[in-house]
């Protein structure tokens, strides 16, 4: 019995050594992860929005509080529950842009506006890199020919980046 165990261990050690000496015989290594290829119909990421088209929360708040500054149309392109809980004063609910019904509502709202109208969109549902709405809304407005569209950069969420900073809010529908 002792001799069989020694032969068995020797066989295993031999296989390990052969595999180490000849990588072609070794177990295959897992492939390195490849960057995700956007799938047709997948939401456009917020990161696809050019930096020149972003507006910081503090900048928008200052614009809204300035009596002399012309006010843009502000559209919340996120989820209704978030809009009802709290939204930028004067903002209108346009619907989640990751759904066709939200995009349709957005298109209908801006249909009569001149193409150079100042529009600010925001969501605030989650951290910027995970937002499923602003990239789609921005692309839709650009596709319709709007030339003065800004997207409020919400790094974490609307509560942290707007409400908790004391910027003007409204509640309800």
N, C-alpha and C. Protein backbone atom coordinates (compact mmCIF):
# COMPACT_ATOMS: atom_id res chain seq x y z
N UNK A 1 0.82 -1.19 0.00
CA UNK A 1 0.00 0.00 0.00
C UNK A 1 0.86 1.25 0.00
N UNK A 2 1.93 1.23 0.81
CA UNK A 2 2.81 2.36 0.91
C UNK A 2 3.50 2.64 -0.43
N UNK A 3 3.88 1.61 -1.15
CA UNK A 3 4.52 1.75 -2.45
C UNK A 3 3.57 2.34 -3.49
N UNK A 4 2.29 1.92 -3.46
CA UNK A 4 1.28 2.48 -4.39
C UNK A 4 1.09 3.98 -4.14
N UNK A 5 1.08 4.39 -2.88
CA UNK A 5 0.92 5.80 -2.55
C UNK A 5 2.10 6.61 -3.07
N UNK A 6 3.30 6.08 -2.92
CA UNK A 6 4.50 6.78 -3.41
C UNK A 6 4.45 6.88 -4.92
N UNK A 7 4.03 5.83 -5.64
CA UNK A 7 3.93 5.88 -7.10
C UNK A 7 2.87 6.90 -7.54
N UNK A 8 1.77 6.94 -6.82
CA UNK A 8 0.69 7.88 -7.14
C UNK A 8 1.16 9.33 -6.97
N UNK A 9 1.82 9.61 -5.85
CA UNK A 9 2.32 10.96 -5.61
C UNK A 9 3.38 11.31 -6.64
N UNK A 10 4.23 10.37 -6.98
CA UNK A 10 5.26 10.61 -8.01
C UNK A 10 4.63 10.95 -9.34
N UNK A 11 3.54 10.28 -9.68
CA UNK A 11 2.84 10.55 -10.95
C UNK A 11 2.27 11.97 -10.96
N UNK A 12 1.70 12.36 -9.85
CA UNK A 12 1.12 13.72 -9.76
C UNK A 12 2.22 14.76 -9.86
N UNK A 13 3.29 14.57 -9.12
CA UNK A 13 4.41 15.50 -9.17
C UNK A 13 4.97 15.58 -10.59
N UNK A 14 5.10 14.46 -11.25
CA UNK A 14 5.58 14.43 -12.63
C UNK A 14 4.69 15.23 -13.56
N UNK A 15 3.40 15.07 -13.40
CA UNK A 15 2.45 15.82 -14.25
C UNK A 15 2.58 17.32 -14.00
N UNK A 16 2.70 17.68 -12.75
CA UNK A 16 2.85 19.10 -12.41
C UNK A 16 4.14 19.65 -13.01
N UNK A 17 5.22 18.90 -12.86
CA UNK A 17 6.50 19.36 -13.41
C UNK A 17 6.47 19.45 -14.92
N UNK A 18 5.85 18.49 -15.58
CA UNK A 18 5.75 18.54 -17.05
C UNK A 18 4.93 19.76 -17.47
N UNK A 19 3.84 20.02 -16.77
CA UNK A 19 3.02 21.18 -17.09
C UNK A 19 3.78 22.48 -16.88
N UNK A 20 4.59 22.54 -15.82
CA UNK A 20 5.36 23.76 -15.55
C UNK A 20 6.45 23.94 -16.59
N UNK A 21 7.05 22.82 -17.03
CA UNK A 21 8.13 22.91 -18.00
C UNK A 21 7.61 23.18 -19.40
N UNK A 22 6.40 22.75 -19.70
CA UNK A 22 5.83 22.92 -21.03
C UNK A 22 4.48 23.62 -20.90
N UNK A 23 4.46 24.94 -21.02
CA UNK A 23 3.21 25.68 -20.83
C UNK A 23 2.08 25.21 -21.75
N UNK A 24 2.41 24.63 -22.89
CA UNK A 24 1.37 24.16 -23.80
C UNK A 24 0.57 23.03 -23.17
N UNK A 25 1.19 22.29 -22.24
CA UNK A 25 0.50 21.19 -21.58
C UNK A 25 -0.17 21.62 -20.29
N UNK A 26 0.15 22.78 -19.81
CA UNK A 26 -0.42 23.25 -18.56
C UNK A 26 -1.89 23.62 -18.78
N UNK A 27 -2.60 23.75 -17.68
CA UNK A 27 -4.01 24.15 -17.76
C UNK A 27 -4.10 25.53 -18.40
N UNK A 28 -5.09 25.74 -19.26
CA UNK A 28 -5.21 27.05 -19.91
C UNK A 28 -5.53 28.14 -18.89
N UNK A 29 -4.94 29.29 -19.11
CA UNK A 29 -5.21 30.43 -18.23
C UNK A 29 -6.49 31.11 -18.71
N UNK A 30 -7.26 31.63 -17.77
CA UNK A 30 -8.47 32.32 -18.21
C UNK A 30 -8.12 33.54 -19.05
N UNK A 31 -8.94 33.80 -20.02
CA UNK A 31 -8.72 34.95 -20.90
C UNK A 31 -8.88 36.24 -20.12
N UNK A 32 -8.10 37.24 -20.48
CA UNK A 32 -8.23 38.55 -19.85
C UNK A 32 -9.58 39.13 -20.23
N UNK A 33 -10.22 39.81 -19.29
CA UNK A 33 -11.52 40.39 -19.63
C UNK A 33 -11.35 41.44 -20.72
N UNK A 34 -12.27 41.44 -21.64
CA UNK A 34 -12.25 42.42 -22.71
C UNK A 34 -13.26 43.50 -22.38
N UNK A 35 -13.00 44.73 -22.82
CA UNK A 35 -13.96 45.79 -22.56
C UNK A 35 -15.31 45.42 -23.16
N UNK A 36 -16.36 45.78 -22.46
CA UNK A 36 -17.70 45.46 -22.93
C UNK A 36 -17.97 46.17 -24.25
N UNK A 37 -18.46 45.44 -25.19
CA UNK A 37 -18.84 46.02 -26.47
C UNK A 37 -20.29 46.48 -26.34
N UNK A 38 -20.56 47.76 -26.62
CA UNK A 38 -21.94 48.21 -26.50
C UNK A 38 -22.84 47.40 -27.42
N UNK A 39 -23.90 46.92 -26.88
CA UNK A 39 -24.86 46.14 -27.64
C UNK A 39 -25.87 47.09 -28.27
N UNK A 40 -26.35 46.75 -29.45
CA UNK A 40 -27.39 47.59 -30.05
C UNK A 40 -28.57 47.66 -29.09
N UNK A 41 -29.06 48.86 -28.88
CA UNK A 41 -30.18 49.07 -27.98
C UNK A 41 -29.76 49.27 -26.54
N UNK A 42 -28.47 49.10 -26.22
CA UNK A 42 -28.00 49.33 -24.85
C UNK A 42 -27.98 50.83 -24.60
N UNK A 43 -28.25 51.25 -23.37
CA UNK A 43 -28.26 52.69 -23.09
C UNK A 43 -26.88 53.32 -23.32
N UNK A 44 -26.90 54.56 -23.80
CA UNK A 44 -25.64 55.29 -23.98
C UNK A 44 -25.16 55.70 -22.59
N UNK A 45 -23.90 55.51 -22.31
CA UNK A 45 -23.41 55.89 -20.99
C UNK A 45 -23.31 57.40 -20.83
N UNK A 46 -23.41 57.85 -19.60
CA UNK A 46 -23.26 59.27 -19.30
C UNK A 46 -21.87 59.75 -19.74
N UNK A 47 -20.89 58.86 -19.66
CA UNK A 47 -19.52 59.22 -20.04
C UNK A 47 -19.40 59.57 -21.53
N UNK A 48 -20.41 59.26 -22.32
CA UNK A 48 -20.37 59.60 -23.75
C UNK A 48 -20.67 61.07 -24.00
N UNK A 49 -21.10 61.78 -22.98
CA UNK A 49 -21.44 63.20 -23.13
C UNK A 49 -20.15 64.02 -23.06
N UNK A 50 -19.91 64.88 -24.05
CA UNK A 50 -18.68 65.68 -24.04
C UNK A 50 -18.61 66.61 -22.82
N UNK A 51 -17.42 66.79 -22.28
CA UNK A 51 -17.23 67.65 -21.10
C UNK A 51 -17.76 69.06 -21.33
N UNK A 52 -17.66 69.56 -22.55
CA UNK A 52 -18.13 70.91 -22.86
C UNK A 52 -19.65 71.03 -22.72
N UNK A 53 -20.35 69.91 -22.70
CA UNK A 53 -21.81 69.92 -22.59
C UNK A 53 -22.29 69.70 -21.16
N UNK A 54 -21.36 69.67 -20.22
CA UNK A 54 -21.74 69.46 -18.82
C UNK A 54 -21.84 70.79 -18.09
N UNK A 55 -22.72 70.83 -17.09
CA UNK A 55 -22.81 71.97 -16.20
C UNK A 55 -22.78 71.42 -14.77
N UNK A 56 -21.98 72.04 -13.94
CA UNK A 56 -21.84 71.61 -12.55
C UNK A 56 -23.05 72.09 -11.74
N UNK A 57 -23.45 71.37 -10.71
CA UNK A 57 -24.59 71.80 -9.89
C UNK A 57 -24.45 73.22 -9.35
N UNK A 58 -23.28 73.59 -8.86
CA UNK A 58 -23.09 74.94 -8.32
C UNK A 58 -23.30 76.00 -9.39
N UNK A 59 -22.85 75.72 -10.60
CA UNK A 59 -23.01 76.66 -11.71
C UNK A 59 -24.49 76.83 -12.07
N UNK A 60 -25.22 75.72 -12.12
CA UNK A 60 -26.65 75.80 -12.43
C UNK A 60 -27.40 76.52 -11.31
N UNK A 61 -27.07 76.22 -10.06
CA UNK A 61 -27.74 76.89 -8.93
C UNK A 61 -27.52 78.40 -8.99
N UNK A 62 -26.30 78.82 -9.30
CA UNK A 62 -26.00 80.25 -9.40
C UNK A 62 -26.80 80.88 -10.54
N UNK A 63 -26.90 80.18 -11.65
CA UNK A 63 -27.67 80.67 -12.79
C UNK A 63 -29.14 80.85 -12.41
N UNK A 64 -29.68 79.88 -11.72
CA UNK A 64 -31.09 79.94 -11.33
C UNK A 64 -31.36 81.03 -10.30
N UNK A 65 -30.38 81.34 -9.48
CA UNK A 65 -30.57 82.34 -8.43
C UNK A 65 -30.27 83.76 -8.91
N UNK A 66 -29.71 83.90 -10.09
CA UNK A 66 -29.40 85.21 -10.64
C UNK A 66 -30.64 85.81 -11.28
N UNK A 67 -31.11 86.95 -10.77
CA UNK A 67 -32.33 87.54 -11.34
C UNK A 67 -32.16 88.00 -12.79
N UNK A 68 -30.94 88.34 -13.18
CA UNK A 68 -30.72 88.87 -14.53
C UNK A 68 -30.49 87.78 -15.58
N UNK A 69 -30.10 86.60 -15.16
CA UNK A 69 -29.74 85.55 -16.13
C UNK A 69 -30.99 84.91 -16.73
N UNK A 70 -30.99 84.70 -18.06
CA UNK A 70 -32.12 83.98 -18.66
C UNK A 70 -32.12 82.54 -18.15
N UNK A 71 -33.29 82.02 -17.89
CA UNK A 71 -33.42 80.67 -17.33
C UNK A 71 -33.60 79.64 -18.43
N UNK A 72 -32.85 78.55 -18.34
CA UNK A 72 -33.03 77.46 -19.31
C UNK A 72 -34.26 76.63 -18.96
N UNK A 73 -34.70 75.86 -19.91
CA UNK A 73 -35.71 74.85 -19.64
C UNK A 73 -34.97 73.72 -18.94
N UNK A 74 -35.45 73.31 -17.76
CA UNK A 74 -34.79 72.25 -17.01
C UNK A 74 -35.70 71.03 -17.03
N UNK A 75 -35.16 69.93 -17.49
CA UNK A 75 -35.93 68.69 -17.61
C UNK A 75 -35.27 67.57 -16.81
N UNK A 76 -36.05 66.95 -15.95
CA UNK A 76 -35.57 65.79 -15.21
C UNK A 76 -35.89 64.57 -16.06
N UNK A 77 -34.85 63.84 -16.46
CA UNK A 77 -35.01 62.71 -17.37
C UNK A 77 -34.83 61.37 -16.66
N UNK A 78 -35.12 61.37 -15.36
CA UNK A 78 -34.98 60.17 -14.55
C UNK A 78 -36.33 59.58 -14.18
N UNK A 79 -36.35 58.97 -13.04
CA UNK A 79 -37.53 58.22 -12.60
C UNK A 79 -38.49 59.10 -11.81
N UNK A 80 -39.78 58.88 -12.02
CA UNK A 80 -40.82 59.72 -11.43
C UNK A 80 -40.73 59.76 -9.91
N UNK A 81 -40.47 58.64 -9.26
CA UNK A 81 -40.41 58.63 -7.80
C UNK A 81 -39.36 59.62 -7.30
N UNK A 82 -38.25 59.72 -7.98
CA UNK A 82 -37.21 60.68 -7.57
C UNK A 82 -37.68 62.11 -7.80
N UNK A 83 -38.35 62.34 -8.92
CA UNK A 83 -38.87 63.68 -9.21
C UNK A 83 -39.87 64.11 -8.14
N UNK A 84 -40.76 63.22 -7.77
CA UNK A 84 -41.78 63.54 -6.76
C UNK A 84 -41.13 63.81 -5.40
N UNK A 85 -40.13 63.03 -5.05
CA UNK A 85 -39.44 63.23 -3.76
C UNK A 85 -38.80 64.60 -3.69
N UNK A 86 -38.10 64.99 -4.76
CA UNK A 86 -37.41 66.27 -4.77
C UNK A 86 -36.83 66.51 -6.15
N UNK A 87 -37.01 67.72 -6.64
CA UNK A 87 -36.45 68.07 -7.95
C UNK A 87 -36.03 69.54 -7.94
N UNK A 88 -35.26 69.93 -8.93
CA UNK A 88 -34.83 71.32 -9.05
C UNK A 88 -36.06 72.20 -9.22
N UNK A 89 -36.11 73.29 -8.46
CA UNK A 89 -37.24 74.22 -8.59
C UNK A 89 -37.37 74.68 -10.03
N UNK A 90 -38.56 74.56 -10.55
CA UNK A 90 -38.83 74.96 -11.93
C UNK A 90 -38.60 73.86 -12.95
N UNK A 91 -38.05 72.73 -12.53
CA UNK A 91 -37.81 71.64 -13.47
C UNK A 91 -39.12 70.95 -13.83
N UNK A 92 -39.14 70.39 -15.02
CA UNK A 92 -40.28 69.62 -15.47
C UNK A 92 -39.88 68.15 -15.57
N UNK A 93 -40.83 67.29 -15.33
CA UNK A 93 -40.58 65.86 -15.44
C UNK A 93 -40.73 65.45 -16.90
N UNK A 94 -39.69 64.80 -17.44
CA UNK A 94 -39.75 64.35 -18.83
C UNK A 94 -39.84 62.84 -18.94
N UNK A 95 -39.57 62.13 -17.88
CA UNK A 95 -39.64 60.68 -17.93
C UNK A 95 -38.27 60.06 -18.11
N UNK A 96 -38.14 58.78 -17.73
CA UNK A 96 -36.84 58.12 -17.84
C UNK A 96 -36.44 57.91 -19.30
N UNK A 97 -35.30 58.45 -19.65
CA UNK A 97 -34.85 58.39 -21.04
C UNK A 97 -34.32 57.01 -21.44
N UNK A 98 -34.25 56.09 -20.50
CA UNK A 98 -33.85 54.73 -20.88
C UNK A 98 -35.04 53.91 -21.33
N UNK A 99 -36.21 54.53 -21.35
CA UNK A 99 -37.43 53.88 -21.84
C UNK A 99 -37.97 54.68 -23.02
N UNK A 100 -38.52 54.00 -23.98
CA UNK A 100 -39.06 54.68 -25.17
C UNK A 100 -40.14 55.69 -24.79
N UNK A 101 -40.97 55.38 -23.79
CA UNK A 101 -42.03 56.32 -23.38
C UNK A 101 -41.43 57.61 -22.84
N UNK A 102 -40.30 57.51 -22.12
CA UNK A 102 -39.63 58.71 -21.62
C UNK A 102 -39.03 59.53 -22.75
N UNK A 103 -38.41 58.85 -23.71
CA UNK A 103 -37.86 59.57 -24.85
C UNK A 103 -38.96 60.24 -25.67
N UNK A 104 -40.08 59.56 -25.81
CA UNK A 104 -41.20 60.14 -26.55
C UNK A 104 -41.73 61.38 -25.84
N UNK A 105 -41.85 61.31 -24.54
CA UNK A 105 -42.31 62.47 -23.75
C UNK A 105 -41.33 63.63 -23.89
N UNK A 106 -40.04 63.32 -23.88
CA UNK A 106 -39.01 64.35 -24.06
C UNK A 106 -39.15 65.00 -25.43
N UNK A 107 -39.29 64.19 -26.47
CA UNK A 107 -39.44 64.72 -27.84
C UNK A 107 -40.67 65.63 -27.95
N UNK A 108 -41.77 65.19 -27.36
CA UNK A 108 -43.01 65.98 -27.41
C UNK A 108 -42.84 67.31 -26.68
N UNK A 109 -42.12 67.30 -25.56
CA UNK A 109 -41.95 68.53 -24.77
C UNK A 109 -41.14 69.58 -25.52
N UNK A 110 -40.14 69.14 -26.28
CA UNK A 110 -39.27 70.10 -26.96
C UNK A 110 -39.67 70.37 -28.41
N UNK A 111 -40.69 69.71 -28.90
CA UNK A 111 -41.06 69.79 -30.32
C UNK A 111 -41.27 71.22 -30.81
N UNK A 112 -41.87 72.08 -30.01
CA UNK A 112 -42.18 73.43 -30.45
C UNK A 112 -41.08 74.44 -30.13
N UNK A 113 -40.02 74.01 -29.52
CA UNK A 113 -38.94 74.94 -29.13
C UNK A 113 -38.02 75.24 -30.29
N UNK A 114 -37.44 76.44 -30.31
CA UNK A 114 -36.41 76.71 -31.32
C UNK A 114 -35.18 75.84 -31.04
N UNK A 115 -34.46 75.48 -32.08
CA UNK A 115 -33.31 74.58 -31.94
C UNK A 115 -32.18 75.18 -31.12
N UNK A 116 -32.20 76.50 -30.91
CA UNK A 116 -31.16 77.12 -30.08
C UNK A 116 -31.65 77.42 -28.66
N UNK A 117 -32.75 76.80 -28.26
CA UNK A 117 -33.27 76.98 -26.90
C UNK A 117 -32.27 76.42 -25.89
N UNK A 118 -32.12 77.10 -24.78
CA UNK A 118 -31.25 76.62 -23.70
C UNK A 118 -31.99 75.55 -22.91
N UNK A 119 -31.42 74.37 -22.87
CA UNK A 119 -32.04 73.23 -22.18
C UNK A 119 -31.00 72.61 -21.25
N UNK A 120 -31.41 72.32 -20.04
CA UNK A 120 -30.57 71.58 -19.10
C UNK A 120 -31.33 70.33 -18.72
N UNK A 121 -30.67 69.20 -18.83
CA UNK A 121 -31.26 67.93 -18.42
C UNK A 121 -30.46 67.36 -17.25
N UNK A 122 -31.14 66.60 -16.42
CA UNK A 122 -30.45 65.92 -15.33
C UNK A 122 -31.26 64.71 -14.92
N UNK A 123 -30.60 63.80 -14.21
CA UNK A 123 -31.27 62.62 -13.67
C UNK A 123 -31.04 62.56 -12.18
N UNK A 124 -29.87 62.08 -11.76
CA UNK A 124 -29.55 62.03 -10.34
C UNK A 124 -29.95 60.76 -9.64
N UNK A 125 -30.29 59.72 -10.41
CA UNK A 125 -30.73 58.47 -9.81
C UNK A 125 -29.61 57.72 -9.12
N UNK A 126 -28.39 57.91 -9.62
CA UNK A 126 -27.28 57.08 -9.14
C UNK A 126 -25.98 57.75 -9.54
N UNK A 127 -24.83 57.16 -9.19
CA UNK A 127 -23.57 57.76 -9.62
C UNK A 127 -23.50 57.91 -11.14
N UNK A 128 -22.83 58.97 -11.57
CA UNK A 128 -22.73 59.35 -12.97
C UNK A 128 -22.43 58.18 -13.89
N UNK A 129 -21.45 57.38 -13.54
CA UNK A 129 -21.04 56.28 -14.42
C UNK A 129 -22.06 55.17 -14.55
N UNK A 130 -23.11 55.20 -13.75
CA UNK A 130 -24.14 54.16 -13.81
C UNK A 130 -25.48 54.67 -14.32
N UNK A 131 -25.58 55.96 -14.60
CA UNK A 131 -26.87 56.54 -14.98
C UNK A 131 -27.32 56.02 -16.35
N UNK A 132 -28.52 55.43 -16.41
CA UNK A 132 -29.03 54.91 -17.68
C UNK A 132 -29.82 55.94 -18.49
N UNK A 133 -29.93 57.18 -17.99
CA UNK A 133 -30.86 58.13 -18.60
C UNK A 133 -30.24 59.32 -19.31
N UNK A 134 -29.24 59.96 -18.73
CA UNK A 134 -28.76 61.21 -19.31
C UNK A 134 -28.10 61.03 -20.68
N UNK A 135 -27.39 59.95 -20.88
CA UNK A 135 -26.76 59.72 -22.19
C UNK A 135 -27.79 59.59 -23.29
N UNK A 136 -28.85 58.86 -23.01
CA UNK A 136 -29.94 58.68 -24.00
C UNK A 136 -30.66 60.00 -24.27
N UNK A 137 -30.96 60.75 -23.21
CA UNK A 137 -31.67 62.02 -23.39
C UNK A 137 -30.82 63.02 -24.17
N UNK A 138 -29.54 63.09 -23.83
CA UNK A 138 -28.64 64.01 -24.53
C UNK A 138 -28.56 63.64 -26.02
N UNK A 139 -28.39 62.37 -26.31
CA UNK A 139 -28.31 61.93 -27.71
C UNK A 139 -29.61 62.23 -28.46
N UNK A 140 -30.74 62.05 -27.80
CA UNK A 140 -32.03 62.33 -28.45
C UNK A 140 -32.15 63.82 -28.79
N UNK A 141 -31.78 64.69 -27.86
CA UNK A 141 -31.88 66.13 -28.11
C UNK A 141 -30.90 66.57 -29.19
N UNK A 142 -29.70 66.03 -29.16
CA UNK A 142 -28.73 66.33 -30.21
C UNK A 142 -29.25 65.85 -31.56
N UNK A 143 -29.84 64.67 -31.57
CA UNK A 143 -30.40 64.12 -32.80
C UNK A 143 -31.54 64.95 -33.37
N UNK A 144 -32.24 65.65 -32.49
CA UNK A 144 -33.33 66.53 -32.93
C UNK A 144 -32.81 67.89 -33.39
N UNK A 145 -31.51 68.13 -33.24
CA UNK A 145 -30.92 69.37 -33.73
C UNK A 145 -30.75 70.46 -32.69
N UNK A 146 -30.96 70.17 -31.41
CA UNK A 146 -30.80 71.19 -30.38
C UNK A 146 -29.31 71.45 -30.15
N UNK A 147 -28.96 72.73 -30.11
CA UNK A 147 -27.55 73.11 -30.07
C UNK A 147 -27.09 73.67 -28.74
N UNK A 148 -28.01 73.94 -27.82
CA UNK A 148 -27.64 74.51 -26.51
C UNK A 148 -28.14 73.63 -25.39
N UNK A 149 -27.72 72.37 -25.42
CA UNK A 149 -28.13 71.40 -24.40
C UNK A 149 -26.98 71.20 -23.43
N UNK A 150 -27.28 71.34 -22.16
CA UNK A 150 -26.31 71.05 -21.09
C UNK A 150 -26.87 69.91 -20.25
N UNK A 151 -25.96 69.14 -19.68
CA UNK A 151 -26.34 68.05 -18.79
C UNK A 151 -25.71 68.35 -17.44
N UNK A 152 -26.55 68.39 -16.40
CA UNK A 152 -26.00 68.62 -15.07
C UNK A 152 -25.24 67.38 -14.63
N UNK A 153 -23.99 67.59 -14.29
CA UNK A 153 -23.12 66.50 -13.84
C UNK A 153 -23.47 66.17 -12.39
N UNK A 154 -24.02 64.99 -12.19
CA UNK A 154 -24.38 64.51 -10.86
C UNK A 154 -23.42 63.37 -10.52
N UNK A 155 -22.40 63.68 -9.73
CA UNK A 155 -21.35 62.71 -9.44
C UNK A 155 -21.87 61.49 -8.69
N UNK A 156 -22.66 61.72 -7.65
CA UNK A 156 -23.14 60.61 -6.82
C UNK A 156 -24.63 60.37 -6.97
N UNK A 157 -25.44 61.37 -6.61
CA UNK A 157 -26.90 61.29 -6.74
C UNK A 157 -27.46 62.67 -6.47
N UNK A 158 -28.71 62.86 -6.79
CA UNK A 158 -29.34 64.18 -6.66
C UNK A 158 -29.35 64.66 -5.21
N UNK A 159 -29.59 63.75 -4.27
CA UNK A 159 -29.61 64.14 -2.87
C UNK A 159 -28.28 64.71 -2.41
N UNK A 160 -27.19 64.01 -2.70
CA UNK A 160 -25.87 64.45 -2.26
C UNK A 160 -25.38 65.67 -3.04
N UNK A 161 -25.62 65.69 -4.34
CA UNK A 161 -25.02 66.71 -5.19
C UNK A 161 -25.89 67.96 -5.39
N UNK A 162 -27.13 67.93 -4.94
CA UNK A 162 -27.99 69.11 -5.09
C UNK A 162 -28.71 69.41 -3.78
N UNK A 163 -29.54 68.51 -3.32
CA UNK A 163 -30.38 68.77 -2.14
C UNK A 163 -29.54 69.10 -0.91
N UNK A 164 -28.56 68.24 -0.59
CA UNK A 164 -27.75 68.42 0.62
C UNK A 164 -26.85 69.64 0.57
N UNK A 165 -26.72 70.25 -0.59
CA UNK A 165 -25.90 71.46 -0.72
C UNK A 165 -26.75 72.72 -0.56
N UNK A 166 -28.06 72.52 -0.35
CA UNK A 166 -28.94 73.65 -0.10
C UNK A 166 -29.41 74.37 -1.34
N UNK A 167 -29.27 73.76 -2.50
CA UNK A 167 -29.74 74.38 -3.73
C UNK A 167 -31.27 74.29 -3.79
N UNK A 168 -31.92 75.17 -4.59
CA UNK A 168 -33.39 75.23 -4.57
C UNK A 168 -34.07 73.96 -5.09
N UNK A 169 -35.02 73.46 -4.29
CA UNK A 169 -35.76 72.25 -4.64
C UNK A 169 -37.26 72.47 -4.48
N UNK A 170 -37.98 71.61 -5.13
CA UNK A 170 -39.44 71.54 -4.98
C UNK A 170 -39.77 70.08 -4.80
N UNK A 171 -40.93 69.81 -4.24
CA UNK A 171 -41.37 68.43 -4.02
C UNK A 171 -42.74 68.23 -4.68
N UNK A 172 -43.03 66.99 -4.98
CA UNK A 172 -44.33 66.66 -5.57
C UNK A 172 -44.29 66.67 -7.07
N UNK A 173 -45.43 66.33 -7.64
CA UNK A 173 -45.52 66.23 -9.10
C UNK A 173 -45.74 67.59 -9.69
